[in-house]
Amino acid sequence: MSSRDRRAVLAFIAIAYGLAWLVALPLWTGDGLASPWFPLVAVAMMTTPGIAALAVVFLIERPRQRARALGLWPMTPVRRLLGYAALGVFVPIGLVLVALPVGALFGLYPADVANFSAFQQTIDAQLSAAGAPGLTVPIGALVAIQLAVLPLASLINLLPALGEELGWRGWLLPKLMPLGTLPALLISGAVWGLWHAPLILLGYNYPDAPGWLGMVTMVGMCIVVGAVFSWLRIRSESVWPAALAHASFNGAAGSYLLFAQAGSHIDTTQATVLGWTGWIVPLAVVAVLFATGQFNRPQPKSRGDERLATPRVR
């Protein structure tokens, strides 16, 4: 990595982190996560890595192909892009859901897949607060509906997720790749994790953990899950599949509430995809991807290969 690239990376981190803390400042001076402004602050904070990437590309680096530098363009080959986009939608959902039985095997996730009691309790409380009659459909059917609509979250959450992915995988990851694939994955994941500090230190995601433990766990999760997002970025040569994956992951992350036991305590530093038991399967996936060369950039076909691959019309 050249000294010019290092300066660009440091400028990107400084802008992304500085803006994130600035956006989150009302939470720190007010009611923290209980603030009515929290949802707006969280969404606004997701734009800061994208703003940082745009600032570096347009004001510092100024490459000719700026959309390419951010991974926004070109969106070809279309078939490859669509294939990885589909993986971006469904792979994170699978990783979020498979973390639950893994946590249950370790005795760290209190599951109730027979009665869905925690979800039933939540629905009953919401209906009661609204003055509505009790649930008229089986709770299992409602759980199935919740799971069926999870892929839609990747579309609903796409723009906020793109705000992050323009920075993390769109611009930063390719800039770090000259260091080697593994260092690039570790550094980009750690930078992503530490960027969450303004919210994690207030108790977000890890409400029962001290701040330092919440940060360590968040960094670990971002390195592991970020490696999967990075694979999509590298293989598709586009930021769009990674953005869909981020959106899908955010939309599915709360699914652990569907299968939990009512009245149970869930330590998210240990259970769900946020905790260490939830990293086992993603780590295995990343190891397989490394072993099979899936973190290498796709090789363009030569003209000879294209002629061989194209059937002749007689």
C-alpha atoms as a PDB file:
ATOM      1  CA  MET A   1       0.000   0.000   0.000  1.00  0.00           C
ATOM      2  CA  SER A   2       1.370   3.376  -1.006  1.00  0.00           C
ATOM      3  CA  SER A   3       1.738   6.280   1.410  1.00  0.00           C
ATOM      4  CA  ARG A   4      -0.953   8.106  -0.581  1.00  0.00           C
ATOM      5  CA  ASP A   5      -3.375   5.230  -0.004  1.00  0.00           C
ATOM      6  CA  ARG A   6      -2.517   5.124   3.696  1.00  0.00           C
ATOM      7  CA  ARG A   7      -3.315   8.824   4.018  1.00  0.00           C
ATOM      8  CA  ALA A   8      -6.605   8.282   2.203  1.00  0.00           C
ATOM      9  CA  VAL A   9      -7.516   5.402   4.547  1.00  0.00           C
ATOM     10  CA  LEU A  10      -6.706   7.491   7.629  1.00  0.00           C
ATOM     11  CA  ALA A  11      -8.751  10.393   6.269  1.00  0.00           C
ATOM     12  CA  PHE A  12     -11.673   8.049   5.589  1.00  0.00           C
ATOM     13  CA  ILE A  13     -11.568   6.620   9.131  1.00  0.00           C
ATOM     14  CA  ALA A  14     -11.294  10.071  10.704  1.00  0.00           C
ATOM     15  CA  ILE A  15     -14.306  11.379   8.762  1.00  0.00           C
ATOM     16  CA  ALA A  16     -16.457   8.270   9.318  1.00  0.00           C
ATOM     17  CA  TYR A  17     -15.713   8.104  13.046  1.00  0.00           C
ATOM     18  CA  GLY A  18     -15.944  11.850  13.601  1.00  0.00           C
ATOM     19  CA  LEU A  19     -19.318  12.106  11.870  1.00  0.00           C
ATOM     20  CA  ALA A  20     -20.626   9.034  13.714  1.00  0.00           C
ATOM     21  CA  TRP A  21     -19.823  10.550  17.103  1.00  0.00           C
ATOM     22  CA  LEU A  22     -21.245  13.909  16.016  1.00  0.00           C
ATOM     23  CA  VAL A  23     -24.522  12.308  14.885  1.00  0.00           C
ATOM     24  CA  ALA A  24     -24.779  10.258  18.101  1.00  0.00           C
ATOM     25  CA  LEU A  25     -24.034  13.236  20.370  1.00  0.00           C
ATOM     26  CA  PRO A  26     -27.747  13.946  21.117  1.00  0.00           C
ATOM     27  CA  LEU A  27     -28.031  10.462  22.626  1.00  0.00           C
ATOM     28  CA  TRP A  28     -25.037  11.057  24.883  1.00  0.00           C
ATOM     29  CA  THR A  29     -26.325  14.425  26.071  1.00  0.00           C
ATOM     30  CA  GLY A  30     -29.908  13.190  26.389  1.00  0.00           C
ATOM     31  CA  ASP A  31     -31.633   9.924  27.286  1.00  0.00           C
ATOM     32  CA  GLY A  32     -29.303   7.521  25.505  1.00  0.00           C
ATOM     33  CA  LEU A  33     -30.996   4.612  23.761  1.00  0.00           C
ATOM     34  CA  ALA A  34     -34.310   5.582  25.391  1.00  0.00           C
ATOM     35  CA  SER A  35     -34.310   8.867  23.470  1.00  0.00           C
ATOM     36  CA  PRO A  36     -37.176   9.265  20.982  1.00  0.00           C
ATOM     37  CA  TRP A  37     -34.500  10.394  18.529  1.00  0.00           C
ATOM     38  CA  PHE A  38     -32.700   7.058  18.636  1.00  0.00           C
ATOM     39  CA  PRO A  39     -34.201   5.528  15.443  1.00  0.00           C
ATOM     40  CA  LEU A  40     -33.395   8.655  13.448  1.00  0.00           C
ATOM     41  CA  VAL A  41     -29.891   8.877  14.924  1.00  0.00           C
ATOM     42  CA  ALA A  42     -29.198   5.213  14.137  1.00  0.00           C
ATOM     43  CA  VAL A  43     -30.228   5.631  10.488  1.00  0.00           C
ATOM     44  CA  ALA A  44     -28.313   8.902  10.157  1.00  0.00           C
ATOM     45  CA  MET A  45     -25.225   7.279  11.636  1.00  0.00           C
ATOM     46  CA  MET A  46     -25.365   4.574   8.940  1.00  0.00           C
ATOM     47  CA  THR A  47     -24.777   7.242   6.288  1.00  0.00           C
ATOM     48  CA  THR A  48     -21.465   8.392   7.756  1.00  0.00           C
ATOM     49  CA  PRO A  49     -19.159   5.735   6.194  1.00  0.00           C
ATOM     50  CA  GLY A  50     -20.690   6.460   2.788  1.00  0.00           C
ATOM     51  CA  ILE A  51     -20.209  10.197   3.272  1.00  0.00           C
ATOM     52  CA  ALA A  52     -16.591   9.547   4.269  1.00  0.00           C
ATOM     53  CA  ALA A  53     -16.000   7.410   1.172  1.00  0.00           C
ATOM     54  CA  LEU A  54     -17.564  10.028  -1.093  1.00  0.00           C
ATOM     55  CA  ALA A  55     -15.458  12.766   0.517  1.00  0.00           C
ATOM     56  CA  VAL A  56     -12.237  10.826  -0.016  1.00  0.00           C
ATOM     57  CA  VAL A  57     -13.075   9.825  -3.588  1.00  0.00           C
ATOM     58  CA  PHE A  58     -14.352  13.231  -4.747  1.00  0.00           C
ATOM     59  CA  LEU A  59     -12.118  15.567  -2.734  1.00  0.00           C
ATOM     60  CA  ILE A  60      -8.865  13.685  -2.113  1.00  0.00           C
ATOM     61  CA  GLU A  61      -8.290  10.896  -4.627  1.00  0.00           C
ATOM     62  CA  ARG A  62     -10.383  12.179  -7.547  1.00  0.00           C
ATOM     63  CA  PRO A  63     -10.090   9.102  -9.776  1.00  0.00           C
ATOM     64  CA  ARG A  64     -11.544   9.206 -13.268  1.00  0.00           C
ATOM     65  CA  GLN A  65     -13.981   6.356 -12.605  1.00  0.00           C
ATOM     66  CA  ARG A  66     -15.421   7.371  -9.267  1.00  0.00           C
ATOM     67  CA  ALA A  67     -18.411   5.031  -9.376  1.00  0.00           C
ATOM     68  CA  ARG A  68     -16.015   2.126  -9.987  1.00  0.00           C
ATOM     69  CA  ALA A  69     -13.834   3.232  -7.070  1.00  0.00           C
ATOM     70  CA  LEU A  70     -16.903   2.889  -4.819  1.00  0.00           C
ATOM     71  CA  GLY A  71     -18.016  -0.434  -6.301  1.00  0.00           C
ATOM     72  CA  LEU A  72     -21.229   1.059  -7.671  1.00  0.00           C
ATOM     73  CA  TRP A  73     -20.368   0.439 -11.330  1.00  0.00           C
ATOM     74  CA  PRO A  74     -20.161  -1.445 -13.649  1.00  0.00           C
ATOM     75  CA  MET A  75     -23.058  -3.757 -12.859  1.00  0.00           C
ATOM     76  CA  THR A  76     -21.809  -6.501 -15.145  1.00  0.00           C
ATOM     77  CA  PRO A  77     -21.666  -9.390 -15.883  1.00  0.00           C
ATOM     78  CA  VAL A  78     -25.368  -9.231 -15.026  1.00  0.00           C
ATOM     79  CA  ARG A  79     -25.767 -12.962 -14.374  1.00  0.00           C
ATOM     80  CA  ARG A  80     -22.859 -13.004 -11.926  1.00  0.00           C
ATOM     81  CA  LEU A  81     -24.094  -9.869 -10.174  1.00  0.00           C
ATOM     82  CA  LEU A  82     -27.618 -11.239  -9.790  1.00  0.00           C
ATOM     83  CA  GLY A  83     -26.270 -14.544  -8.478  1.00  0.00           C
ATOM     84  CA  TYR A  84     -24.224 -12.894  -5.754  1.00  0.00           C
ATOM     85  CA  ALA A  85     -27.058 -10.477  -5.022  1.00  0.00           C
ATOM     86  CA  ALA A  86     -29.308 -13.474  -4.327  1.00  0.00           C
ATOM     87  CA  LEU A  87     -26.630 -14.928  -2.054  1.00  0.00           C
ATOM     88  CA  GLY A  88     -26.441 -11.548  -0.348  1.00  0.00           C
ATOM     89  CA  VAL A  89     -30.134 -11.775   0.485  1.00  0.00           C
ATOM     90  CA  PHE A  90     -30.297 -15.369   1.711  1.00  0.00           C
ATOM     91  CA  VAL A  91     -26.869 -16.207   3.195  1.00  0.00           C
ATOM     92  CA  PRO A  92     -27.118 -13.676   6.083  1.00  0.00           C
ATOM     93  CA  ILE A  93     -30.602 -14.939   6.957  1.00  0.00           C
ATOM     94  CA  GLY A  94     -29.206 -18.454   7.129  1.00  0.00           C
ATOM     95  CA  LEU A  95     -26.303 -17.359   9.328  1.00  0.00           C
ATOM     96  CA  VAL A  96     -28.624 -15.503  11.719  1.00  0.00           C
ATOM     97  CA  LEU A  97     -30.996 -18.447  12.048  1.00  0.00           C
ATOM     98  CA  VAL A  98     -28.391 -21.219  12.318  1.00  0.00           C
ATOM     99  CA  ALA A  99     -26.751 -19.337  15.207  1.00  0.00           C
ATOM    100  CA  LEU A 100     -29.798 -20.121  17.351  1.00  0.00           C
ATOM    101  CA  PRO A 101     -29.594 -23.944  17.454  1.00  0.00           C
ATOM    102  CA  VAL A 102     -25.820 -23.679  17.860  1.00  0.00           C
ATOM    103  CA  GLY A 103     -26.330 -21.454  20.899  1.00  0.00           C
ATOM    104  CA  ALA A 104     -28.976 -23.852  22.202  1.00  0.00           C
ATOM    105  CA  LEU A 105     -26.531 -26.781  21.898  1.00  0.00           C
ATOM    106  CA  PHE A 106     -24.129 -24.889  24.160  1.00  0.00           C
ATOM    107  CA  GLY A 107     -26.966 -24.178  26.589  1.00  0.00           C
ATOM    108  CA  LEU A 108     -26.643 -20.437  25.986  1.00  0.00           C
ATOM    109  CA  TYR A 109     -29.762 -19.765  23.931  1.00  0.00           C
ATOM    110  CA  PRO A 110     -33.021 -20.649  25.743  1.00  0.00           C
ATOM    111  CA  ALA A 111     -35.072 -21.938  22.831  1.00  0.00           C
ATOM    112  CA  ASP A 112     -38.778 -22.732  22.687  1.00  0.00           C
ATOM    113  CA  VAL A 113     -39.561 -24.054  19.206  1.00  0.00           C
ATOM    114  CA  ALA A 114     -42.739 -25.797  20.353  1.00  0.00           C
ATOM    115  CA  ASN A 115     -44.761 -22.901  21.741  1.00  0.00           C
ATOM    116  CA  PHE A 116     -42.689 -19.852  20.700  1.00  0.00           C
ATOM    117  CA  SER A 117     -43.529 -18.541  24.152  1.00  0.00           C
ATOM    118  CA  ALA A 118     -41.425 -15.355  24.120  1.00  0.00           C
ATOM    119  CA  PHE A 119     -42.903 -14.293  20.799  1.00  0.00           C
ATOM    120  CA  GLN A 120     -46.400 -15.186  22.012  1.00  0.00           C
ATOM    121  CA  GLN A 121     -45.822 -13.095  25.131  1.00  0.00           C
ATOM    122  CA  THR A 122     -44.635 -10.135  23.045  1.00  0.00           C
ATOM    123  CA  ILE A 123     -47.620 -10.305  20.700  1.00  0.00           C
ATOM    124  CA  ASP A 124     -50.068 -10.619  23.599  1.00  0.00           C
ATOM    125  CA  ALA A 125     -48.540  -7.576  25.292  1.00  0.00           C
ATOM    126  CA  GLN A 126     -48.719  -5.512  22.102  1.00  0.00           C
ATOM    127  CA  LEU A 127     -52.353  -6.474  21.455  1.00  0.00           C
ATOM    128  CA  SER A 128     -53.282  -5.735  25.063  1.00  0.00           C
ATOM    129  CA  ALA A 129     -51.623  -2.320  24.945  1.00  0.00           C
ATOM    130  CA  ALA A 130     -53.534  -1.527  21.757  1.00  0.00           C
ATOM    131  CA  GLY A 131     -56.807  -2.700  23.263  1.00  0.00           C
ATOM    132  CA  ALA A 132     -57.159  -5.291  20.524  1.00  0.00           C
ATOM    133  CA  PRO A 133     -58.581  -8.802  20.918  1.00  0.00           C
ATOM    134  CA  GLY A 134     -56.256 -11.747  21.383  1.00  0.00           C
ATOM    135  CA  LEU A 135     -54.364 -13.449  18.586  1.00  0.00           C
ATOM    136  CA  THR A 136     -56.768 -15.236  16.235  1.00  0.00           C
ATOM    137  CA  VAL A 137     -54.189 -17.226  14.218  1.00  0.00           C
ATOM    138  CA  PRO A 138     -51.854 -19.942  15.503  1.00  0.00           C
ATOM    139  CA  ILE A 139     -48.585 -18.516  16.760  1.00  0.00           C
ATOM    140  CA  GLY A 140     -46.688 -20.992  14.568  1.00  0.00           C
ATOM    141  CA  ALA A 141     -48.351 -19.540  11.465  1.00  0.00           C
ATOM    142  CA  LEU A 142     -47.328 -16.050  12.534  1.00  0.00           C
ATOM    143  CA  VAL A 143     -43.730 -17.206  13.006  1.00  0.00           C
ATOM    144  CA  ALA A 144     -43.784 -18.735   9.502  1.00  0.00           C
ATOM    145  CA  ILE A 145     -45.033 -15.449   8.064  1.00  0.00           C
ATOM    146  CA  GLN A 146     -42.288 -13.552   9.882  1.00  0.00           C
ATOM    147  CA  LEU A 147     -39.661 -15.853   8.373  1.00  0.00           C
ATOM    148  CA  ALA A 148     -41.186 -15.690   4.903  1.00  0.00           C
ATOM    149  CA  VAL A 149     -40.991 -11.894   4.751  1.00  0.00           C
ATOM    150  CA  LEU A 150     -37.366 -11.704   5.931  1.00  0.00           C
ATOM    151  CA  PRO A 151     -35.976 -11.421   2.361  1.00  0.00           C
ATOM    152  CA  LEU A 152     -38.044  -8.260   1.896  1.00  0.00           C
ATOM    153  CA  ALA A 153     -35.932  -6.623   4.603  1.00  0.00           C
ATOM    154  CA  SER A 154     -32.986  -6.582   2.220  1.00  0.00           C
ATOM    155  CA  LEU A 155     -34.950  -4.241  -0.041  1.00  0.00           C
ATOM    156  CA  ILE A 156     -36.481  -2.133   2.727  1.00  0.00           C
ATOM    157  CA  ASN A 157     -33.122  -1.664   4.472  1.00  0.00           C
ATOM    158  CA  LEU A 158     -31.027  -1.366   1.311  1.00  0.00           C
ATOM    159  CA  LEU A 159     -30.470   2.404   1.243  1.00  0.00           C
ATOM    160  CA  PRO A 160     -29.336   2.715   4.893  1.00  0.00           C
ATOM    161  CA  ALA A 161     -27.161  -0.386   4.474  1.00  0.00           C
ATOM    162  CA  LEU A 162     -25.644   1.072   1.304  1.00  0.00           C
ATOM    163  CA  GLY A 163     -24.691   4.108   3.355  1.00  0.00           C
ATOM    164  CA  GLU A 164     -22.402   1.845   5.367  1.00  0.00           C
ATOM    165  CA  GLU A 165     -21.277  -0.501   2.620  1.00  0.00           C
ATOM    166  CA  LEU A 166     -20.113   2.288   0.334  1.00  0.00           C
ATOM    167  CA  GLY A 167     -17.509   2.878   3.013  1.00  0.00           C
ATOM    168  CA  TRP A 168     -16.638  -0.532   4.441  1.00  0.00           C
ATOM    169  CA  ARG A 169     -16.730  -2.871   1.458  1.00  0.00           C
ATOM    170  CA  GLY A 170     -17.251  -0.422  -1.406  1.00  0.00           C
ATOM    171  CA  TRP A 171     -14.155   1.708  -0.828  1.00  0.00           C
ATOM    172  CA  LEU A 172     -12.139   0.573   2.210  1.00  0.00           C
ATOM    173  CA  LEU A 173     -11.796  -3.151   1.511  1.00  0.00           C
ATOM    174  CA  PRO A 174     -10.315  -2.771  -2.011  1.00  0.00           C
ATOM    175  CA  LYS A 175      -7.981  -0.081  -0.697  1.00  0.00           C
ATOM    176  CA  LEU A 176      -6.648  -2.531   1.924  1.00  0.00           C
ATOM    177  CA  MET A 177      -6.309  -5.532  -0.416  1.00  0.00           C
ATOM    178  CA  PRO A 178      -2.651  -4.755  -1.327  1.00  0.00           C
ATOM    179  CA  LEU A 179      -1.862  -5.745   2.294  1.00  0.00           C
ATOM    180  CA  GLY A 180      -3.153  -9.254   1.570  1.00  0.00           C
ATOM    181  CA  THR A 181      -6.641 -10.716   1.764  1.00  0.00           C
ATOM    182  CA  LEU A 182      -6.534 -11.826   5.405  1.00  0.00           C
ATOM    183  CA  PRO A 183      -5.123  -8.517   6.744  1.00  0.00           C
ATOM    184  CA  ALA A 184      -7.682  -6.634   4.642  1.00  0.00           C
ATOM    185  CA  LEU A 185     -10.535  -8.686   6.111  1.00  0.00           C
ATOM    186  CA  LEU A 186      -9.280  -8.267   9.677  1.00  0.00           C
ATOM    187  CA  ILE A 187      -8.611  -4.530   9.428  1.00  0.00           C
ATOM    188  CA  SER A 188     -11.810  -3.635   7.574  1.00  0.00           C
ATOM    189  CA  GLY A 189     -13.861  -5.727  10.002  1.00  0.00           C
ATOM    190  CA  ALA A 190     -12.187  -4.147  13.032  1.00  0.00           C
ATOM    191  CA  VAL A 191     -12.677  -0.636  11.636  1.00  0.00           C
ATOM    192  CA  TRP A 192     -16.353  -1.447  11.044  1.00  0.00           C
ATOM    193  CA  GLY A 193     -16.747  -2.821  14.557  1.00  0.00           C
ATOM    194  CA  LEU A 194     -15.048   0.096  16.327  1.00  0.00           C
ATOM    195  CA  TRP A 195     -17.160   2.558  14.352  1.00  0.00           C
ATOM    196  CA  HIS A 196     -20.178   1.276  16.354  1.00  0.00           C
ATOM    197  CA  ALA A 197     -18.690   2.627  19.610  1.00  0.00           C
ATOM    198  CA  PRO A 198     -21.103   5.582  20.028  1.00  0.00           C
ATOM    199  CA  LEU A 199     -24.028   3.151  20.278  1.00  0.00           C
ATOM    200  CA  ILE A 200     -22.373   0.063  21.790  1.00  0.00           C
ATOM    201  CA  LEU A 201     -21.023   2.068  24.736  1.00  0.00           C
ATOM    202  CA  LEU A 202     -24.591   3.154  25.452  1.00  0.00           C
ATOM    203  CA  GLY A 203     -25.667  -0.495  25.665  1.00  0.00           C
ATOM    204  CA  TYR A 204     -26.841  -1.155  22.123  1.00  0.00           C
ATOM    205  CA  ASN A 205     -26.802  -4.870  21.115  1.00  0.00           C
ATOM    206  CA  TYR A 206     -25.115  -5.854  24.406  1.00  0.00           C
ATOM    207  CA  PRO A 207     -27.253  -4.236  27.141  1.00  0.00           C
ATOM    208  CA  ASP A 208     -25.968  -6.423  29.984  1.00  0.00           C
ATOM    209  CA  ALA A 209     -22.257  -6.241  29.173  1.00  0.00           C
ATOM    210  CA  PRO A 210     -19.765  -3.614  30.318  1.00  0.00           C
ATOM    211  CA  GLY A 211     -18.756  -1.243  27.544  1.00  0.00           C
ATOM    212  CA  TRP A 212     -15.363  -2.815  26.899  1.00  0.00           C
ATOM    213  CA  LEU A 213     -16.848  -6.296  26.533  1.00  0.00           C
ATOM    214  CA  GLY A 214     -19.575  -5.025  24.243  1.00  0.00           C
ATOM    215  CA  MET A 215     -16.945  -3.405  22.040  1.00  0.00           C
ATOM    216  CA  VAL A 216     -14.703  -6.478  21.935  1.00  0.00           C
ATOM    217  CA  THR A 217     -17.661  -8.676  21.037  1.00  0.00           C
ATOM    218  CA  MET A 218     -18.927  -6.258  18.402  1.00  0.00           C
ATOM    219  CA  VAL A 219     -15.508  -6.093  16.766  1.00  0.00           C
ATOM    220  CA  GLY A 220     -15.324  -9.896  16.724  1.00  0.00           C
ATOM    221  CA  MET A 221     -18.757 -10.181  15.154  1.00  0.00           C
ATOM    222  CA  CYS A 222     -17.964  -7.535  12.535  1.00  0.00           C
ATOM    223  CA  ILE A 223     -14.730  -9.270  11.546  1.00  0.00           C
ATOM    224  CA  VAL A 224     -16.471 -12.636  11.123  1.00  0.00           C
ATOM    225  CA  VAL A 225     -19.653 -11.439   9.427  1.00  0.00           C
ATOM    226  CA  GLY A 226     -17.743  -8.750   7.536  1.00  0.00           C
ATOM    227  CA  ALA A 227     -15.610 -11.478   5.955  1.00  0.00           C
ATOM    228  CA  VAL A 228     -18.760 -12.974   4.420  1.00  0.00           C
ATOM    229  CA  PHE A 229     -19.837  -9.562   3.125  1.00  0.00           C
ATOM    230  CA  SER A 230     -16.299  -9.045   1.787  1.00  0.00           C
ATOM    231  CA  TRP A 231     -16.462 -12.342  -0.109  1.00  0.00           C
ATOM    232  CA  LEU A 232     -19.580 -11.079  -1.890  1.00  0.00           C
ATOM    233  CA  ARG A 233     -17.814  -7.807  -2.713  1.00  0.00           C
ATOM    234  CA  ILE A 234     -14.697  -9.491  -4.042  1.00  0.00           C
ATOM    235  CA  ARG A 235     -16.412 -12.170  -6.116  1.00  0.00           C
ATOM    236  CA  SER A 236     -19.058  -9.891  -7.593  1.00  0.00           C
ATOM    237  CA  GLU A 237     -16.668  -6.933  -7.997  1.00  0.00           C
ATOM    238  CA  SER A 238     -19.580  -4.787  -6.859  1.00  0.00           C
ATOM    239  CA  VAL A 239     -20.792  -3.222  -3.627  1.00  0.00           C
ATOM    240  CA  TRP A 240     -24.438  -4.096  -4.302  1.00  0.00           C
ATOM    241  CA  PRO A 241     -24.410  -7.735  -3.079  1.00  0.00           C
ATOM    242  CA  ALA A 242     -22.619  -6.660   0.109  1.00  0.00           C
ATOM    243  CA  ALA A 243     -25.180  -3.897   0.649  1.00  0.00           C
ATOM    244  CA  LEU A 244     -28.025  -6.396   0.195  1.00  0.00           C
ATOM    245  CA  ALA A 245     -26.295  -8.740   2.635  1.00  0.00           C
ATOM    246  CA  HIS A 246     -25.936  -5.981   5.222  1.00  0.00           C
ATOM    247  CA  ALA A 247     -29.599  -5.028   4.782  1.00  0.00           C
ATOM    248  CA  SER A 248     -30.706  -8.657   5.041  1.00  0.00           C
ATOM    249  CA  PHE A 249     -28.552  -9.232   8.119  1.00  0.00           C
ATOM    250  CA  ASN A 250     -29.997  -6.198   9.892  1.00  0.00           C
ATOM    251  CA  GLY A 251     -33.518  -7.257   9.033  1.00  0.00           C
ATOM    252  CA  ALA A 252     -33.041 -10.818  10.273  1.00  0.00           C
ATOM    253  CA  ALA A 253     -30.984 -10.065  13.400  1.00  0.00           C
ATOM    254  CA  GLY A 254     -34.031  -9.782  15.651  1.00  0.00           C
ATOM    255  CA  SER A 255     -35.318 -13.229  14.663  1.00  0.00           C
ATOM    256  CA  TYR A 256     -33.882 -14.737  17.831  1.00  0.00           C
ATOM    257  CA  LEU A 257     -36.951 -13.349  19.622  1.00  0.00           C
ATOM    258  CA  LEU A 258     -39.197 -15.667  17.594  1.00  0.00           C
ATOM    259  CA  PHE A 259     -37.757 -18.847  19.082  1.00  0.00           C
ATOM    260  CA  ALA A 260     -36.843 -17.801  22.614  1.00  0.00           C
ATOM    261  CA  GLN A 261     -38.392 -19.036  25.824  1.00  0.00           C
ATOM    262  CA  ALA A 262     -40.606 -16.569  27.677  1.00  0.00           C
ATOM    263  CA  GLY A 263     -39.010 -15.014  30.737  1.00  0.00           C
ATOM    264  CA  SER A 264     -35.535 -16.211  29.799  1.00  0.00           C
ATOM    265  CA  HIS A 265     -32.388 -14.122  29.722  1.00  0.00           C
ATOM    266  CA  ILE A 266     -30.310 -14.025  26.524  1.00  0.00           C
ATOM    267  CA  ASP A 267     -26.694 -12.965  26.864  1.00  0.00           C
ATOM    268  CA  THR A 268     -25.912 -11.576  23.417  1.00  0.00           C
ATOM    269  CA  THR A 269     -22.170 -11.680  24.053  1.00  0.00           C
ATOM    270  CA  GLN A 270     -22.510 -15.466  23.966  1.00  0.00           C
ATOM    271  CA  ALA A 271     -25.705 -16.350  22.079  1.00  0.00           C
ATOM    272  CA  THR A 272     -27.352 -15.295  18.786  1.00  0.00           C
ATOM    273  CA  VAL A 273     -25.240 -14.208  15.826  1.00  0.00           C
ATOM    274  CA  LEU A 274     -23.996 -11.290  17.936  1.00  0.00           C
ATOM    275  CA  GLY A 275     -22.231 -13.603  20.399  1.00  0.00           C
ATOM    276  CA  TRP A 276     -19.357 -16.052  20.054  1.00  0.00           C
ATOM    277  CA  THR A 277     -21.494 -19.171  19.525  1.00  0.00           C
ATOM    278  CA  GLY A 278     -23.067 -17.433  16.538  1.00  0.00           C
ATOM    279  CA  TRP A 279     -19.672 -17.018  14.895  1.00  0.00           C
ATOM    280  CA  ILE A 280     -18.919 -20.736  14.641  1.00  0.00           C
ATOM    281  CA  VAL A 281     -20.818 -21.364  11.417  1.00  0.00           C
ATOM    282  CA  PRO A 282     -19.723 -18.126   9.676  1.00  0.00           C
ATOM    283  CA  LEU A 283     -16.105 -18.919  10.567  1.00  0.00           C
ATOM    284  CA  ALA A 284     -16.515 -22.379   9.055  1.00  0.00           C
ATOM    285  CA  VAL A 285     -18.018 -20.833   5.926  1.00  0.00           C
ATOM    286  CA  VAL A 286     -15.149 -18.353   5.623  1.00  0.00           C
ATOM    287  CA  ALA A 287     -12.595 -21.147   6.116  1.00  0.00           C
ATOM    288  CA  VAL A 288     -14.184 -23.161   3.296  1.00  0.00           C
ATOM    289  CA  LEU A 289     -14.247 -20.096   1.053  1.00  0.00           C
ATOM    290  CA  PHE A 290     -10.558 -19.504   1.713  1.00  0.00           C
ATOM    291  CA  ALA A 291      -9.687 -23.162   1.112  1.00  0.00           C
ATOM    292  CA  THR A 292     -11.510 -23.162  -2.222  1.00  0.00           C
ATOM    293  CA  GLY A 293     -10.004 -19.896  -3.474  1.00  0.00           C
ATOM    294  CA  GLN A 294     -13.268 -17.978  -3.281  1.00  0.00           C
ATOM    295  CA  PHE A 295     -11.563 -14.848  -1.988  1.00  0.00           C
ATOM    296  CA  ASN A 296      -9.652 -14.501  -5.245  1.00  0.00           C
ATOM    297  CA  ARG A 297     -10.981 -12.034  -7.779  1.00  0.00           C
ATOM    298  CA  PRO A 298     -12.799 -13.729 -10.661  1.00  0.00           C
ATOM    299  CA  GLN A 299     -10.621 -14.181 -13.689  1.00  0.00           C
ATOM    300  CA  PRO A 300     -11.889 -12.540 -16.884  1.00  0.00           C
ATOM    301  CA  LYS A 301     -12.460 -14.940 -19.729  1.00  0.00           C
ATOM    302  CA  SER A 302     -10.097 -14.741 -22.630  1.00  0.00           C
ATOM    303  CA  ARG A 303     -11.507 -14.389 -26.099  1.00  0.00           C
ATOM    304  CA  GLY A 304     -10.521 -17.945 -26.797  1.00  0.00           C
ATOM    305  CA  ASP A 305     -12.446 -19.104 -23.753  1.00  0.00           C
ATOM    306  CA  GLU A 306     -15.452 -17.086 -24.835  1.00  0.00           C
ATOM    307  CA  ARG A 307     -15.367 -18.676 -28.276  1.00  0.00           C
ATOM    308  CA  LEU A 308     -15.200 -22.125 -26.729  1.00  0.00           C
ATOM    309  CA  ALA A 309     -18.045 -21.310 -24.360  1.00  0.00           C
ATOM    310  CA  THR A 310     -20.287 -19.925 -27.094  1.00  0.00           C
ATOM    311  CA  PRO A 311     -22.136 -22.598 -29.092  1.00  0.00           C
ATOM    312  CA  ARG A 312     -22.027 -22.266 -32.835  1.00  0.00           C
ATOM    313  CA  VAL A 313     -25.220 -21.796 -34.765  1.00  0.00           C
ATOM    314  CA  ARG A 314     -25.265 -23.963 -37.876  1.00  0.00           C
END
